[in-house]
Amino acid sequence: MIALTAKYFEQRGYDVKYNVALEGFSGILHTFELVIRKDGEQHPVMVKDWKRTVGVNMIIKVDKASDDTQLSQPIVVAKKFSDHAKAYSNKKRIVLITKRELQIQS
């Protein structure tokens, strides 16, 4: 699913870097499956290729890692998201993309 996600963003003009490890201001090392760049903005992309639903705790983790590394608006890609994850991401402006949306728009 990482290759599909990378292709999706490359088709939209993003520069895609794989397996990026960045040290945050806290001193913690954060690893992102992808970091995409376009128009001077960098977005961390977490790809969760799980059979189960991605919950709010994972979304909070991505949000905190993004803040700590000073990257803009994180993006999470998964098969499905819990209602709590969707609600939190709407409040925090985190982009959630389902695998189905990637396949339809690629």
N, C-alpha and C. Protein backbone atom coordinates (compact mmCIF):
# COMPACT_ATOMS: atom_id res chain seq x y z
N MET A 1 0.83 -1.20 0.00
CA MET A 1 0.00 0.00 0.00
C MET A 1 0.87 1.26 0.00
N ILE A 2 2.12 1.16 0.45
CA ILE A 2 3.01 2.32 0.43
C ILE A 2 3.29 2.75 -1.01
N ALA A 3 3.53 1.80 -1.89
CA ALA A 3 3.79 2.13 -3.31
C ALA A 3 2.58 2.80 -3.94
N LEU A 4 1.38 2.32 -3.63
CA LEU A 4 0.14 2.92 -4.15
C LEU A 4 -0.01 4.35 -3.64
N THR A 5 0.30 4.56 -2.37
CA THR A 5 0.21 5.90 -1.78
C THR A 5 1.23 6.84 -2.42
N ALA A 6 2.46 6.37 -2.61
CA ALA A 6 3.50 7.18 -3.25
C ALA A 6 3.09 7.57 -4.66
N LYS A 7 2.57 6.62 -5.41
CA LYS A 7 2.12 6.87 -6.78
C LYS A 7 1.01 7.93 -6.80
N TYR A 8 0.08 7.83 -5.87
CA TYR A 8 -1.04 8.78 -5.74
C TYR A 8 -0.51 10.21 -5.60
N PHE A 9 0.47 10.40 -4.71
CA PHE A 9 1.01 11.75 -4.49
C PHE A 9 1.94 12.20 -5.61
N GLU A 10 2.70 11.29 -6.18
CA GLU A 10 3.57 11.65 -7.31
C GLU A 10 2.74 12.14 -8.49
N GLN A 11 1.59 11.51 -8.72
CA GLN A 11 0.71 11.92 -9.82
C GLN A 11 0.16 13.33 -9.58
N ARG A 12 0.16 13.77 -8.35
CA ARG A 12 -0.34 15.10 -8.00
C ARG A 12 0.78 16.12 -7.85
N GLY A 13 1.98 15.75 -8.30
CA GLY A 13 3.09 16.69 -8.34
C GLY A 13 3.93 16.80 -7.08
N TYR A 14 3.76 15.87 -6.15
CA TYR A 14 4.55 15.90 -4.92
C TYR A 14 5.88 15.18 -5.12
N ASP A 15 6.91 15.67 -4.44
CA ASP A 15 8.19 14.98 -4.33
C ASP A 15 8.05 14.03 -3.14
N VAL A 16 8.29 12.75 -3.35
CA VAL A 16 8.04 11.74 -2.32
C VAL A 16 9.35 11.15 -1.81
N LYS A 17 9.52 11.15 -0.50
CA LYS A 17 10.67 10.51 0.16
C LYS A 17 10.15 9.36 1.00
N TYR A 18 10.84 8.21 0.93
CA TYR A 18 10.43 7.00 1.65
C TYR A 18 11.17 6.86 2.98
N ASN A 19 10.49 6.26 3.97
CA ASN A 19 11.09 5.92 5.27
C ASN A 19 11.96 7.03 5.83
N VAL A 20 11.33 8.13 6.15
CA VAL A 20 12.03 9.30 6.64
C VAL A 20 12.04 9.31 8.17
N ALA A 21 13.23 9.43 8.75
CA ALA A 21 13.38 9.54 10.20
C ALA A 21 13.81 10.97 10.52
N LEU A 22 13.04 11.63 11.36
CA LEU A 22 13.33 13.01 11.74
C LEU A 22 13.37 13.13 13.26
N GLU A 23 14.35 13.86 13.76
CA GLU A 23 14.40 14.10 15.19
C GLU A 23 13.55 15.32 15.50
N GLY A 24 12.65 15.16 16.46
CA GLY A 24 11.79 16.27 16.85
C GLY A 24 12.48 17.18 17.84
N PHE A 25 11.84 18.28 18.16
CA PHE A 25 12.38 19.22 19.13
C PHE A 25 12.49 18.59 20.51
N SER A 26 11.70 17.55 20.76
CA SER A 26 11.73 16.84 22.03
C SER A 26 12.95 15.93 22.15
N GLY A 27 13.63 15.70 21.01
CA GLY A 27 14.76 14.78 21.00
C GLY A 27 14.36 13.37 20.59
N ILE A 28 13.07 13.13 20.42
CA ILE A 28 12.55 11.82 20.01
C ILE A 28 12.69 11.68 18.50
N LEU A 29 13.11 10.49 18.05
CA LEU A 29 13.23 10.21 16.63
C LEU A 29 11.89 9.67 16.12
N HIS A 30 11.32 10.34 15.15
CA HIS A 30 10.03 9.94 14.55
C HIS A 30 10.29 9.41 13.15
N THR A 31 9.65 8.28 12.83
CA THR A 31 9.79 7.70 11.50
C THR A 31 8.44 7.74 10.79
N PHE A 32 8.47 8.23 9.56
CA PHE A 32 7.27 8.30 8.72
C PHE A 32 7.49 7.44 7.49
N GLU A 33 6.45 6.74 7.04
CA GLU A 33 6.57 5.92 5.83
C GLU A 33 6.92 6.79 4.63
N LEU A 34 6.29 7.96 4.55
CA LEU A 34 6.56 8.90 3.47
C LEU A 34 6.58 10.32 4.02
N VAL A 35 7.37 11.18 3.39
CA VAL A 35 7.25 12.62 3.59
C VAL A 35 7.12 13.19 2.19
N ILE A 36 6.04 13.94 1.97
CA ILE A 36 5.79 14.52 0.65
C ILE A 36 6.05 16.02 0.69
N ARG A 37 6.58 16.56 -0.41
CA ARG A 37 6.90 17.98 -0.48
C ARG A 37 6.31 18.57 -1.76
N LYS A 38 5.75 19.77 -1.59
CA LYS A 38 5.24 20.52 -2.75
C LYS A 38 5.01 21.96 -2.30
N ASP A 39 5.40 22.89 -3.14
CA ASP A 39 5.18 24.32 -2.87
C ASP A 39 5.70 24.75 -1.49
N GLY A 40 6.86 24.24 -1.11
CA GLY A 40 7.47 24.65 0.16
C GLY A 40 6.88 24.03 1.41
N GLU A 41 5.89 23.17 1.27
CA GLU A 41 5.30 22.50 2.43
C GLU A 41 5.70 21.04 2.44
N GLN A 42 5.88 20.52 3.66
CA GLN A 42 6.21 19.10 3.84
C GLN A 42 5.12 18.47 4.71
N HIS A 43 4.63 17.34 4.27
CA HIS A 43 3.60 16.63 5.00
C HIS A 43 4.08 15.22 5.34
N PRO A 44 3.94 14.81 6.60
CA PRO A 44 4.26 13.42 6.94
C PRO A 44 3.09 12.53 6.53
N VAL A 45 3.40 11.37 5.99
CA VAL A 45 2.36 10.42 5.59
C VAL A 45 2.61 9.10 6.32
N MET A 46 1.62 8.66 7.08
CA MET A 46 1.69 7.37 7.76
C MET A 46 0.76 6.42 7.01
N VAL A 47 1.27 5.26 6.65
CA VAL A 47 0.48 4.26 5.93
C VAL A 47 0.29 3.06 6.86
N LYS A 48 -0.95 2.78 7.20
CA LYS A 48 -1.27 1.67 8.09
C LYS A 48 -2.04 0.62 7.28
N ASP A 49 -1.32 -0.37 6.80
CA ASP A 49 -1.93 -1.42 5.98
C ASP A 49 -2.40 -2.55 6.91
N TRP A 50 -3.40 -2.22 7.71
CA TRP A 50 -3.94 -3.16 8.69
C TRP A 50 -5.29 -3.68 8.25
N LYS A 51 -5.63 -4.87 8.72
CA LYS A 51 -6.97 -5.39 8.47
C LYS A 51 -7.97 -4.73 9.42
N ARG A 52 -7.49 -4.33 10.58
CA ARG A 52 -8.40 -3.71 11.56
C ARG A 52 -8.51 -2.21 11.34
N THR A 53 -9.45 -1.61 12.01
CA THR A 53 -9.70 -0.18 11.92
C THR A 53 -8.61 0.61 12.65
N VAL A 54 -8.20 1.72 12.06
CA VAL A 54 -7.25 2.61 12.72
C VAL A 54 -8.03 3.50 13.69
N GLY A 55 -7.59 3.50 14.95
CA GLY A 55 -8.30 4.24 15.99
C GLY A 55 -7.71 5.60 16.28
N VAL A 56 -8.35 6.28 17.20
CA VAL A 56 -7.98 7.65 17.55
C VAL A 56 -6.57 7.73 18.15
N ASN A 57 -6.13 6.70 18.87
CA ASN A 57 -4.79 6.75 19.47
C ASN A 57 -3.70 6.87 18.42
N MET A 58 -3.85 6.17 17.30
CA MET A 58 -2.87 6.26 16.22
C MET A 58 -2.89 7.65 15.59
N ILE A 59 -4.06 8.23 15.45
CA ILE A 59 -4.18 9.56 14.87
C ILE A 59 -3.53 10.60 15.79
N ILE A 60 -3.74 10.46 17.09
CA ILE A 60 -3.12 11.37 18.06
C ILE A 60 -1.60 11.24 17.99
N LYS A 61 -1.10 10.01 17.88
CA LYS A 61 0.35 9.77 17.79
C LYS A 61 0.94 10.47 16.56
N VAL A 62 0.28 10.35 15.43
CA VAL A 62 0.74 10.99 14.20
C VAL A 62 0.70 12.52 14.35
N ASP A 63 -0.35 13.03 14.97
CA ASP A 63 -0.50 14.46 15.18
C ASP A 63 0.65 15.00 16.04
N LYS A 64 0.96 14.31 17.12
CA LYS A 64 2.04 14.75 18.01
C LYS A 64 3.40 14.66 17.33
N ALA A 65 3.63 13.60 16.56
CA ALA A 65 4.90 13.45 15.84
C ALA A 65 5.06 14.56 14.81
N SER A 66 3.98 14.92 14.15
CA SER A 66 4.00 15.99 13.15
C SER A 66 4.32 17.33 13.81
N ASP A 67 3.67 17.60 14.93
CA ASP A 67 3.94 18.85 15.66
C ASP A 67 5.39 18.90 16.12
N ASP A 68 5.89 17.79 16.65
CA ASP A 68 7.24 17.72 17.20
C ASP A 68 8.31 17.96 16.13
N THR A 69 8.02 17.54 14.91
CA THR A 69 8.98 17.68 13.82
C THR A 69 8.71 18.91 12.94
N GLN A 70 7.71 19.69 13.32
CA GLN A 70 7.36 20.93 12.60
C GLN A 70 6.95 20.69 11.15
N LEU A 71 6.30 19.55 10.89
CA LEU A 71 5.78 19.28 9.55
C LEU A 71 4.32 19.71 9.51
N SER A 72 3.84 20.14 8.32
CA SER A 72 2.47 20.57 8.21
C SER A 72 1.52 19.40 8.10
N GLN A 73 0.29 19.67 8.29
CA GLN A 73 -0.87 18.79 8.14
C GLN A 73 -0.55 17.33 7.82
N PRO A 74 -0.54 16.47 8.83
CA PRO A 74 -0.24 15.06 8.58
C PRO A 74 -1.34 14.36 7.78
N ILE A 75 -0.95 13.29 7.12
CA ILE A 75 -1.86 12.49 6.31
C ILE A 75 -1.74 11.04 6.77
N VAL A 76 -2.88 10.39 6.96
CA VAL A 76 -2.87 8.98 7.37
C VAL A 76 -3.66 8.19 6.32
N VAL A 77 -3.05 7.11 5.86
CA VAL A 77 -3.69 6.25 4.86
C VAL A 77 -3.93 4.88 5.49
N ALA A 78 -5.17 4.39 5.38
CA ALA A 78 -5.52 3.08 5.94
C ALA A 78 -6.76 2.55 5.24
N LYS A 79 -7.09 1.30 5.54
CA LYS A 79 -8.30 0.71 4.94
C LYS A 79 -9.55 1.34 5.51
N LYS A 80 -9.58 1.54 6.86
CA LYS A 80 -10.73 2.18 7.48
C LYS A 80 -10.34 2.82 8.80
N PHE A 81 -11.17 3.79 9.22
CA PHE A 81 -10.91 4.58 10.42
C PHE A 81 -12.11 4.53 11.35
N SER A 82 -11.84 4.57 12.65
CA SER A 82 -12.93 4.59 13.63
C SER A 82 -13.62 5.96 13.60
N ASP A 83 -14.82 6.02 14.14
CA ASP A 83 -15.54 7.29 14.19
C ASP A 83 -14.80 8.30 15.05
N HIS A 84 -14.17 7.85 16.15
CA HIS A 84 -13.41 8.75 17.01
C HIS A 84 -12.19 9.30 16.27
N ALA A 85 -11.54 8.45 15.47
CA ALA A 85 -10.39 8.90 14.67
C ALA A 85 -10.83 9.97 13.68
N LYS A 86 -11.97 9.76 13.04
CA LYS A 86 -12.50 10.74 12.08
C LYS A 86 -12.83 12.07 12.77
N ALA A 87 -13.44 11.99 13.93
CA ALA A 87 -13.82 13.21 14.67
C ALA A 87 -12.58 13.99 15.09
N TYR A 88 -11.58 13.30 15.63
CA TYR A 88 -10.34 13.96 16.05
C TYR A 88 -9.64 14.59 14.85
N SER A 89 -9.56 13.86 13.75
CA SER A 89 -8.86 14.38 12.58
C SER A 89 -9.58 15.59 11.99
N ASN A 90 -10.89 15.63 12.07
CA ASN A 90 -11.63 16.80 11.59
C ASN A 90 -11.30 18.04 12.43
N LYS A 91 -11.19 17.86 13.75
CA LYS A 91 -10.87 18.98 14.64
C LYS A 91 -9.44 19.47 14.40
N LYS A 92 -8.52 18.54 14.17
CA LYS A 92 -7.10 18.87 14.06
C LYS A 92 -6.63 19.06 12.62
N ARG A 93 -7.53 18.96 11.66
CA ARG A 93 -7.20 19.10 10.23
C ARG A 93 -6.16 18.09 9.76
N ILE A 94 -6.33 16.86 10.19
CA ILE A 94 -5.49 15.76 9.73
C ILE A 94 -6.23 15.10 8.58
N VAL A 95 -5.53 14.83 7.50
CA VAL A 95 -6.15 14.24 6.31
C VAL A 95 -6.16 12.72 6.45
N LEU A 96 -7.34 12.14 6.32
CA LEU A 96 -7.49 10.69 6.32
C LEU A 96 -7.86 10.25 4.92
N ILE A 97 -7.13 9.26 4.40
CA ILE A 97 -7.40 8.74 3.06
C ILE A 97 -7.53 7.23 3.16
N THR A 98 -8.60 6.70 2.60
CA THR A 98 -8.77 5.25 2.62
C THR A 98 -8.10 4.62 1.40
N LYS A 99 -7.80 3.35 1.53
CA LYS A 99 -7.19 2.62 0.41
C LYS A 99 -8.09 2.67 -0.81
N ARG A 100 -9.38 2.60 -0.59
CA ARG A 100 -10.35 2.66 -1.70
C ARG A 100 -10.24 3.99 -2.44
N GLU A 101 -10.09 5.10 -1.71
CA GLU A 101 -9.95 6.42 -2.35
C GLU A 101 -8.68 6.48 -3.20
N LEU A 102 -7.61 5.87 -2.71
CA LEU A 102 -6.36 5.82 -3.50
C LEU A 102 -6.58 5.08 -4.81
N GLN A 103 -7.25 3.95 -4.73
CA GLN A 103 -7.46 3.13 -5.92
C GLN A 103 -8.37 3.81 -6.92
N ILE A 104 -9.38 4.49 -6.45
CA ILE A 104 -10.33 5.17 -7.34
C ILE A 104 -9.67 6.36 -8.03
N GLN A 105 -8.84 7.11 -7.28
CA GLN A 105 -8.27 8.35 -7.81
C GLN A 105 -6.93 8.18 -8.49
N SER A 106 -6.37 6.97 -8.47
CA SER A 106 -5.06 6.77 -9.12
C SER A 106 -5.21 6.54 -10.60
